[in-house]
Protein backbone atom coordinates (compact mmCIF):
# COMPACT_ATOMS: atom_id res chain seq x y z
CA UNK A 1 -34.37 7.89 -59.65
CA UNK A 2 -36.29 5.19 -56.78
CA UNK A 3 -35.40 6.07 -53.24
CA UNK A 4 -33.48 3.52 -51.82
CA UNK A 5 -34.43 3.01 -47.88
CA UNK A 6 -32.20 3.58 -45.49
CA UNK A 7 -30.00 1.13 -43.55
CA UNK A 8 -30.62 1.26 -40.04
CA UNK A 9 -27.20 1.76 -38.84
CA UNK A 10 -27.09 -0.73 -35.46
CA UNK A 11 -25.26 -0.49 -31.90
CA UNK A 12 -21.66 -3.41 -31.90
CA UNK A 13 -23.06 -6.46 -30.27
CA UNK A 14 -20.83 -5.99 -27.48
CA UNK A 15 -23.83 -3.69 -26.06
CA UNK A 16 -26.51 -6.44 -25.95
CA UNK A 17 -24.08 -7.96 -22.84
CA UNK A 18 -24.73 -4.67 -20.18
CA UNK A 19 -26.69 -2.31 -19.62
CA UNK A 20 -27.05 1.03 -18.64
CA UNK A 21 -25.40 1.77 -15.39
CA UNK A 22 -27.81 1.60 -12.53
CA UNK A 23 -27.34 4.82 -11.11
CA UNK A 24 -26.80 6.69 -14.00
CA UNK A 25 -31.05 5.87 -15.19
CA UNK A 26 -32.09 6.27 -11.22
CA UNK A 27 -30.55 9.68 -10.95
CA UNK A 28 -32.40 10.24 -14.03
CA UNK A 29 -35.77 9.12 -12.53
CA UNK A 30 -34.05 11.24 -9.35
CA UNK A 31 -33.49 14.58 -11.16
CA UNK A 32 -36.80 14.37 -12.53
CA UNK A 33 -39.07 13.82 -9.40
CA UNK A 34 -36.41 16.91 -7.82
CA UNK A 35 -37.37 19.24 -11.30
CA UNK A 36 -40.86 18.64 -10.17
CA UNK A 37 -40.04 19.68 -6.95
CA UNK A 38 -39.92 16.46 -4.65
CA UNK A 39 -37.15 17.56 -2.78
CA UNK A 40 -35.19 13.76 -2.73
CA UNK A 41 -32.74 12.78 -0.31
CA UNK A 42 -30.20 11.25 -1.88
CA UNK A 43 -28.23 8.21 -0.05
CA UNK A 44 -27.42 6.55 -3.16
CA UNK A 45 -23.68 7.22 -4.00
CA UNK A 46 -20.83 7.38 -2.58
CA UNK A 47 -19.30 10.68 -3.90
CA UNK A 48 -17.88 12.40 -0.72
CA UNK A 49 -19.64 15.73 -0.47
CA UNK A 50 -16.48 17.35 2.32
CA UNK A 51 -13.77 18.82 0.59
CA UNK A 52 -9.78 17.94 0.13
CA UNK A 53 -7.42 19.93 2.86
CA UNK A 54 -7.39 23.56 2.04
CA UNK A 55 -3.47 22.84 0.93
CA UNK A 56 -4.18 20.69 -1.38
CA UNK A 57 -6.79 23.44 -2.93
CA UNK A 58 -3.91 26.49 -2.60
CA UNK A 59 -1.68 23.63 -4.35
CA UNK A 60 -4.06 23.04 -7.35
CA UNK A 61 -5.48 27.23 -7.45
CA UNK A 62 -1.36 28.52 -7.43
CA UNK A 63 -0.12 25.82 -10.42
CA UNK A 64 -3.10 26.61 -12.69
CA UNK A 65 -1.48 30.24 -12.90
CA UNK A 66 1.22 28.66 -14.28
CA UNK A 67 1.75 29.56 -17.74
CA UNK A 68 3.65 26.64 -18.74
CA UNK A 69 1.36 24.54 -16.94
CA UNK A 70 -0.61 22.94 -19.25
CA UNK A 71 0.68 21.31 -21.70
CA UNK A 72 0.57 17.34 -22.86
CA UNK A 73 1.88 15.43 -19.34
CA UNK A 74 3.65 12.86 -19.66
CA UNK A 75 1.52 9.02 -19.15
CA UNK A 76 3.36 7.87 -16.46
CA UNK A 77 2.44 11.13 -14.64
CA UNK A 78 4.54 13.24 -12.73
CA UNK A 79 7.81 11.98 -11.08
CA UNK A 80 5.63 13.76 -7.98
CA UNK A 81 2.26 12.34 -7.98
CA UNK A 82 4.86 9.32 -8.38
CA UNK A 83 6.93 9.25 -5.59
CA UNK A 84 3.33 10.85 -3.49
CA UNK A 85 2.07 7.69 -3.94
CA UNK A 86 5.21 5.55 -2.66
CA UNK A 87 5.65 7.90 0.30
CA UNK A 88 2.12 7.44 0.89
CA UNK A 89 2.13 3.53 0.46
CA UNK A 90 4.79 3.64 3.86
CA UNK A 91 3.78 5.66 5.71
CA UNK A 92 0.73 3.86 6.00
CA UNK A 93 0.46 0.51 4.66
CA UNK A 94 4.58 -0.01 5.19
CA UNK A 95 4.98 -1.39 1.59
CA UNK A 96 7.90 -0.04 -0.78
CA UNK A 97 6.97 0.87 -3.92
CA UNK A 98 9.30 2.00 -6.50
CA UNK A 99 7.86 5.02 -8.01
CA UNK A 100 9.76 5.00 -11.47
CA UNK A 101 8.59 1.13 -12.00
CA UNK A 102 6.25 -0.46 -9.86
CA UNK A 103 3.26 2.98 -9.92
CA UNK A 104 1.22 3.64 -12.78
CA UNK A 105 -1.43 6.50 -11.97
CA UNK A 106 -4.75 6.46 -13.66
CA UNK A 107 -7.53 8.92 -14.56
CA UNK A 108 -9.57 7.16 -11.61
CA UNK A 109 -9.92 3.33 -10.53
CA UNK A 110 -12.77 3.12 -12.82
CA UNK A 111 -10.30 3.73 -15.89
CA UNK A 112 -7.25 1.23 -14.53
CA UNK A 113 -10.76 -1.69 -14.57
CA UNK A 114 -10.39 -0.99 -18.25
CA UNK A 115 -7.06 -1.32 -18.62
CA UNK A 116 -6.43 -3.88 -16.69
CA UNK A 117 -8.76 -5.90 -18.05
CA UNK A 118 -7.24 -4.92 -21.56
CA UNK A 119 -3.97 -5.71 -20.98
CA UNK A 120 -4.31 -9.39 -19.20
CA UNK A 121 -7.27 -10.79 -20.60
CA UNK A 122 -8.28 -11.93 -24.04
CA UNK A 123 -11.85 -12.69 -25.57
CA UNK A 124 -13.29 -15.45 -24.10
CA UNK A 125 -10.85 -16.10 -21.07
CA UNK A 126 -12.51 -16.07 -17.98
CA UNK A 127 -12.20 -13.25 -14.73
CA UNK A 128 -13.47 -13.91 -11.45
CA UNK A 129 -15.82 -11.29 -9.49
CA UNK A 130 -17.46 -10.87 -6.59
CA UNK A 131 -20.96 -11.18 -5.88
CA UNK A 132 -21.77 -8.98 -4.31
CA UNK A 133 -19.65 -6.90 -5.90
CA UNK A 134 -18.99 -3.56 -7.94
CA UNK A 135 -20.92 -3.64 -11.21
CA UNK A 136 -18.00 -2.50 -13.00
CA UNK A 137 -16.59 -5.65 -12.18
CA UNK A 138 -18.46 -7.48 -14.79
CA UNK A 139 -19.84 -5.45 -17.18
CA UNK A 140 -16.36 -3.44 -18.45
CA UNK A 141 -15.00 -7.39 -19.05
CA UNK A 142 -19.08 -8.07 -21.12
CA UNK A 143 -18.28 -5.06 -23.04
CA UNK A 144 -14.80 -6.47 -23.26
CA UNK A 145 -15.26 -10.12 -24.25
CA UNK A 146 -15.02 -11.86 -21.09
CA UNK A 147 -16.53 -14.89 -19.25
CA UNK A 148 -17.36 -13.92 -16.19
CA UNK A 149 -17.49 -16.17 -12.79
CA UNK A 150 -18.99 -15.07 -10.16
CA UNK A 151 -17.59 -16.26 -6.56
CA UNK A 152 -18.88 -15.95 -3.75
CA UNK A 153 -19.17 -13.99 -0.84
CA UNK A 154 -21.80 -14.43 2.42
CA UNK A 155 -22.98 -13.07 5.39
CA UNK A 156 -21.79 -16.66 7.37
CA UNK A 157 -18.81 -16.31 6.47
CA UNK A 158 -18.33 -12.21 6.61
CA UNK A 159 -18.23 -11.43 3.36
CA UNK A 160 -14.74 -13.18 2.72
CA UNK A 161 -14.34 -15.76 -0.46
CA UNK A 162 -15.01 -19.37 0.31
CA UNK A 163 -11.80 -20.39 -0.87
CA UNK A 164 -12.57 -23.65 -0.45
CA UNK A 165 -15.88 -23.57 -2.94
CA UNK A 166 -12.88 -21.87 -4.62
CA UNK A 167 -10.98 -24.34 -4.87
CA UNK A 168 -13.84 -26.75 -5.97
CA UNK A 169 -15.07 -24.44 -9.25
CA UNK A 170 -13.68 -24.95 -13.23
CA UNK A 171 -10.70 -22.42 -13.26
CA UNK A 172 -9.64 -23.09 -16.27
CA UNK A 173 -8.82 -20.16 -18.22
CA UNK A 174 -8.89 -17.74 -15.72
CA UNK A 175 -6.95 -14.69 -15.53
CA UNK A 176 -7.66 -12.34 -13.18
CA UNK A 177 -9.72 -12.06 -9.83
CA UNK A 178 -11.43 -8.87 -8.35
CA UNK A 179 -11.19 -8.60 -4.79
CA UNK A 180 -12.34 -4.87 -3.36
CA UNK A 181 -11.55 -4.83 0.54
CA UNK A 182 -12.22 -3.18 2.64
CA UNK A 183 -15.72 -4.66 0.66
CA UNK A 184 -17.87 -2.09 -1.28
CA UNK A 185 -20.95 -2.48 -0.67
CA UNK A 186 -20.95 -5.17 2.31
CA UNK A 187 -18.72 -2.46 4.13
CA UNK A 188 -16.58 -5.75 4.96
CA UNK A 189 -12.42 -5.27 5.87
CA UNK A 190 -9.68 -6.85 4.97
CA UNK A 191 -7.36 -9.21 7.76
CA UNK A 192 -3.86 -10.29 6.59
CA UNK A 193 -4.72 -13.44 6.68
CA UNK A 194 -7.22 -12.79 3.86
CA UNK A 195 -4.66 -11.51 1.91
CA UNK A 196 -2.06 -14.50 2.47
CA UNK A 197 -4.46 -16.74 1.46
CA UNK A 198 -4.92 -14.80 -1.83
CA UNK A 199 -1.78 -14.49 -2.67
CA UNK A 200 -0.98 -17.89 -2.10
CA UNK A 201 -4.20 -19.03 -4.24
CA UNK A 202 -3.21 -16.73 -6.55
CA UNK A 203 0.57 -18.23 -6.79
CA UNK A 204 -1.01 -21.46 -6.91
CA UNK A 205 -3.41 -20.97 -10.14
CA UNK A 206 -1.75 -18.72 -12.05
CA UNK A 207 -3.88 -15.43 -11.61
CA UNK A 208 -3.62 -12.35 -11.09
CA UNK A 209 -5.56 -10.85 -8.27
CA UNK A 210 -6.67 -7.00 -8.73
CA UNK A 211 -7.71 -5.87 -5.23
CA UNK A 212 -9.55 -2.28 -5.30
CA UNK A 213 -8.35 -0.85 -2.31
CA UNK A 214 -10.07 2.98 -2.20
CA UNK A 215 -12.03 2.84 1.23
CA UNK A 216 -9.14 1.77 3.21
CA UNK A 217 -9.22 5.06 5.40
CA UNK A 218 -12.74 5.70 5.75
CA UNK A 219 -14.08 5.11 9.77
CA UNK A 220 -10.98 2.17 9.28
CA UNK A 221 -8.25 2.72 12.11
CA UNK A 222 -5.31 0.05 10.41
CA UNK A 223 -4.91 0.44 6.42
CA UNK A 224 -3.15 -2.23 5.39
CA UNK A 225 -2.89 -3.45 1.74
CA UNK A 226 -2.40 -6.81 -0.22
CA UNK A 227 1.19 -5.62 -1.55
CA UNK A 228 2.22 -5.79 2.12
CA UNK A 229 2.19 -9.93 1.76
CA UNK A 230 6.15 -11.08 0.87
CA UNK A 231 5.99 -11.67 -2.96
CA UNK A 232 2.43 -10.11 -3.20
CA UNK A 233 3.99 -7.86 -6.24
CA UNK A 234 4.98 -10.78 -8.40
CA UNK A 235 0.85 -11.97 -8.89
CA UNK A 236 -1.36 -8.82 -7.32
CA UNK A 237 -2.33 -5.20 -8.47
CA UNK A 238 -3.30 -2.58 -5.95
CA UNK A 239 -5.37 -0.32 -7.15
CA UNK A 240 -5.94 3.01 -5.16
CA UNK A 241 -8.04 5.93 -5.08
CA UNK A 242 -7.98 10.11 -4.02
CA UNK A 243 -11.97 10.26 -4.69
CA UNK A 244 -12.71 8.98 -1.46
CA UNK A 245 -9.60 9.10 1.18
CA UNK A 246 -9.15 12.52 -0.04
CA UNK A 247 -12.07 13.49 -0.85
CA UNK A 248 -11.46 14.06 -4.46
CA UNK A 249 -14.22 11.84 -6.74
CA UNK A 250 -14.57 14.71 -9.23
CA UNK A 251 -11.18 15.35 -9.60
CA UNK A 252 -10.46 11.65 -11.25
CA UNK A 253 -6.99 11.07 -9.67
CA UNK A 254 -6.04 6.84 -9.03
CA UNK A 255 -3.49 4.33 -9.10
CA UNK A 256 -2.20 1.14 -9.06
CA UNK A 257 0.70 -0.80 -7.93
CA UNK A 258 2.63 -3.65 -8.96
CA UNK A 259 5.56 -5.19 -10.53
CA UNK A 260 6.92 -3.24 -12.88
CA UNK A 261 6.52 -5.56 -15.79
CA UNK A 262 2.87 -5.81 -15.32
CA UNK A 263 3.19 -1.78 -14.94
CA UNK A 264 4.29 -1.68 -18.00
CA UNK A 265 1.87 -4.01 -20.00
CA UNK A 266 -1.44 -1.99 -18.42
CA UNK A 267 1.03 1.91 -19.73
CA UNK A 268 1.27 -0.10 -23.27
CA UNK A 269 -2.48 -0.27 -23.23
CA UNK A 270 -3.19 3.49 -20.82
CA UNK A 271 -1.10 5.06 -23.94
CA UNK A 272 -3.05 4.31 -26.51
CA UNK A 273 -6.09 5.22 -24.91
CA UNK A 274 -5.86 8.94 -22.52
CA UNK A 275 -3.30 11.59 -22.07
CA UNK A 276 -1.72 12.92 -18.80
CA UNK A 277 -3.18 14.24 -16.74
CA UNK A 278 -3.20 18.21 -15.85
CA UNK A 279 -0.09 19.26 -13.77
CA UNK A 280 -1.51 21.33 -11.50
CA UNK A 281 -4.13 18.02 -10.61
CA UNK A 282 -1.29 15.87 -10.73
CA UNK A 283 0.53 18.70 -8.31
CA UNK A 284 -2.53 19.47 -5.93
CA UNK A 285 -2.58 15.43 -5.70
CA UNK A 286 0.81 14.93 -4.43
CA UNK A 287 -0.10 17.38 -1.30
CA UNK A 288 -3.32 15.83 -0.99
CA UNK A 289 -0.90 12.89 -0.55
CA UNK A 290 1.04 14.12 2.23
CA UNK A 291 -2.05 14.65 4.60
CA UNK A 292 -1.30 14.07 8.75
CA UNK A 293 -3.17 11.87 10.94
CA UNK A 294 -5.16 14.47 12.11
CA UNK A 295 -6.76 14.99 8.52
CA UNK A 296 -8.10 11.63 8.44
CA UNK A 297 -9.26 11.74 11.36
CA UNK A 298 -11.31 15.09 10.86
CA UNK A 299 -12.42 13.65 8.03
CA UNK A 300 -13.94 10.50 9.99
CA UNK A 301 -15.21 12.56 12.54
CA UNK A 302 -17.94 13.48 10.22
CA UNK A 303 -18.55 10.08 8.67
CA UNK A 304 -19.42 8.61 11.96
CA UNK A 305 -21.36 11.04 12.68
CA UNK A 306 -23.77 10.42 10.04
CA UNK A 307 -23.03 6.92 10.79
CA UNK A 308 -25.27 6.78 13.85
CA UNK A 309 -27.45 8.13 11.76
CA UNK A 310 -27.43 5.54 9.05
CA UNK A 311 -27.39 3.47 12.01
CA UNK A 312 -31.26 4.79 12.74
CA UNK A 313 -32.59 4.31 9.36
CA UNK A 314 -32.07 0.88 8.70
CA UNK A 315 -33.43 0.21 12.70
CA UNK A 316 -36.55 2.50 11.28
CA UNK A 317 -36.79 0.57 7.86
CA UNK A 318 -36.58 -2.87 10.05
CA UNK A 319 -33.11 -3.51 8.43
CA UNK A 320 -30.20 -5.49 10.41
CA UNK A 321 -26.30 -4.63 10.39
CA UNK A 322 -22.60 -5.14 11.35
CA UNK A 323 -21.75 -2.62 13.75
CA UNK A 324 -18.15 -3.47 12.54
CA UNK A 325 -18.15 -2.48 8.55
CA UNK A 326 -15.97 0.54 7.67
CA UNK A 327 -16.50 2.45 4.71
CA UNK A 328 -18.36 4.60 3.92
CA UNK A 329 -21.61 2.81 3.17
CA UNK A 330 -23.89 0.88 5.61
CA UNK A 331 -24.97 -2.27 4.67
CA UNK A 332 -27.84 -3.81 6.09
CA UNK A 333 -30.26 -6.89 5.88
CA UNK A 334 -33.84 -6.36 5.57
CA UNK A 335 -36.63 -7.74 6.96
CA UNK A 336 -37.82 -11.19 6.67
CA UNK A 337 -41.66 -9.17 6.32
CA UNK A 338 -40.62 -7.60 3.62
CA UNK A 339 -41.19 -9.52 0.09
CA UNK A 340 -38.96 -8.08 -2.19
CA UNK A 341 -35.96 -4.86 -1.86
CA UNK A 342 -36.64 -2.68 -4.37
CA UNK A 343 -39.95 -2.83 -3.64
CA UNK A 344 -39.40 -1.19 0.02
CA UNK A 345 -36.63 1.24 -2.76
CA UNK A 346 -39.11 2.39 -4.45
CA UNK A 347 -41.65 3.42 -1.72
CA UNK A 348 -39.22 4.63 0.01
CA UNK A 349 -37.89 7.41 -2.69
CA UNK A 350 -41.99 7.83 -3.83
CA UNK A 351 -43.86 7.38 -0.55
CA UNK A 352 -40.70 9.15 1.47
CA UNK A 353 -38.39 11.08 -1.07
CA UNK A 354 -35.28 9.20 -0.28
CA UNK A 355 -33.22 7.55 -2.77
CA UNK A 356 -31.58 4.26 -0.87
CA UNK A 357 -29.56 1.60 -2.94
CA UNK A 358 -31.45 -1.43 -2.79
CA UNK A 359 -28.92 -4.77 -2.89
CA UNK A 360 -29.52 -6.33 -5.53
CA UNK A 361 -27.94 -4.29 -8.63
CA UNK A 362 -24.69 -5.62 -6.92
CA UNK A 363 -25.09 -9.31 -7.33
CA UNK A 364 -27.96 -12.21 -6.15
CA UNK A 365 -26.69 -12.23 -2.73
CA UNK A 366 -27.63 -9.17 -2.06
CA UNK A 367 -30.87 -9.48 -3.24
CA UNK A 368 -32.02 -9.48 0.70
CA UNK A 369 -29.38 -6.20 1.58
CA UNK A 370 -29.91 -2.37 1.20
CA UNK A 371 -27.35 -0.10 0.90
CA UNK A 372 -26.99 3.82 3.02
CA UNK A 373 -24.40 6.56 1.83
CA UNK A 374 -22.40 8.67 4.48
CA UNK A 375 -21.93 10.98 1.38
CA UNK A 376 -24.62 13.06 2.61
CA UNK A 377 -25.19 16.24 5.36
CA UNK A 378 -25.88 15.68 9.38
CA UNK A 379 -29.19 17.37 8.75
CA UNK A 380 -30.55 16.08 5.72
CA UNK A 381 -29.78 12.46 7.11
CA UNK A 382 -31.44 13.32 10.17
CA UNK A 383 -34.34 14.59 7.69
CA UNK A 384 -34.32 11.48 6.09
CA UNK A 385 -34.86 9.74 8.81
CA UNK A 386 -38.19 11.20 9.73
CA UNK A 387 -39.58 11.00 6.98
CA UNK A 388 -38.62 7.22 6.65
CA UNK A 389 -40.01 6.96 10.50
CA UNK A 390 -43.02 8.42 8.80
CA UNK A 391 -43.81 5.05 6.06
CA UNK A 392 -44.31 2.98 9.80
CA UNK A 393 -42.50 0.73 7.22
CA UNK A 394 -41.30 -2.23 10.72
CA UNK A 395 -45.81 -2.03 10.94
């Protein structure tokens, strides 16, 4: 019998709309360099390197030994975790949430982006995404067949949306608007006035605002929530996360809050995609949410020290930055003498062996910026500073 030629297998067409996540690609390169003994200092990823509270870890260890605690958990999360999130929102944001119907625990906020998009956006619908902004807002929207429409955040406007510009855009077919304050990557902080404008805009246009709010406890004296605005639950969803605020990125525990209908729609999607989280982790997360002001202050003391060193790195690179930034990154504009941001970050990587994130990965409005993560010990930041100074880049 004559051999037939094997047919070529191809991936789904949707993969044509996205590329591998920048950090996935770049960290492979960093890993290769480290394997060659080059000792790269990574200032790229926002992965907290400090531990959760001791009580959080103790709860995890204790509950993990419970022989009856290893089964499937409810899709809606256990009552103890939902109640802890509700108490946390009331204590720190002065927002009242019904733990039974207005909170949905998530396996990290990134998962929530997928579930919310599936729950609200049909293929061909439009989604407003900030430029610059978290790349996953764009990539997941495209994978799911949505049309991404960028709205500008600019330094001259304090990295806030330009509402006059938004009003002039063609918003027919827009279902969601992604916002992220305190902002990543720029460090711009939200104001009550901004949230009031967003809620009014959403109601007028029939758009759901999804505010991603994981950074509000990092170097920020006054955490606020968009859900504090009267009527915000009618048109807004807010994400929050244990990853940044409680040093638990690998635990993958987050949440969303909104009105009961929105939460139920998201649950309909989520319950068909994943299962509940390990009970011991949920109980430990509830413990973490009861941390007092002293714990947050101790955490921020470390970030403040690191922020000083990150500022000195910016100075050594000839970059300028806003001292009022909050969150766990420092965002700086490269000097005019520098032709291209990636040329700068590649030189720093390969000559100083320090990995810094180029701002273009967050959108075209970030092409003249770099981002430095504060998730690195003081001694490593100091070492990175000395390596970069040896390059004499400002000259």
